[in-house]
Amino acid sequence: MLSRVLLTLPVYFGSNHSRFLGPAYIASFLNAHGRECCILDEDAIAWLYHETSDPQKQIRTRIVDAIHEFLPDIIGIYLNTANYKNGLSLLTFLRKNFPEICMVVGGPHITTCFKTFDALHSDLFDYAIVGEGEVAFYKICQLIENKCHAHIPGVFAANHSDSFRAAHRIIINRQSEK
């Protein structure tokens, strides 16, 4: 059975709200390779509830509902430095409430600060992607679908400390796509 993937963009309560293309690239790549993928933008959900008495509770309720509706095999959490604290809160919430779902972290913060993140939070994720995520995420899907373990360049498996090799990560040549 092919993986169902839910990619999440954690809420950012700052003044600069940008759309992050990384999760969209990953979703497009996974969809093109037969995986069902959905993006859940916690930041967009926050705007729906920003004037309620408990927006965080409303946001989390929407996320839980989306997970129960979509039934993902894998949840990916995009972490950049601006949304890091909220992303970590989301990751902790997801791990506590959905321990059976594979958690994958990635994004600029993981790529630049992985060793620190791993030292502090290795119990919260199953895989971390360092660098570009399209091919790496697809290969994680394949591992889960085939119920096996293998070295994936640029991916750290939380329960296999020897699997991290950032120097050999997969780099996508965007020029060859033209």
Foldseek 3Di string as FASTA:
>chain_A
DFFEEEEEEFAFPDDDDDDDCQVVLQCVLCVVVPYHYYYHYLNVQLVVCVPPPCSVVVSVVVVVVVCVVRVGQEYEYEDDPRCNVRSVVVLVVCCVVPVRHAYEYEYDCCQVPVVVCLVVPLVRHQKYAHPRDNVVVVVVRVCVVVVHDDAAARMDGSVDRVRYDPVPHDDDDVVVVD
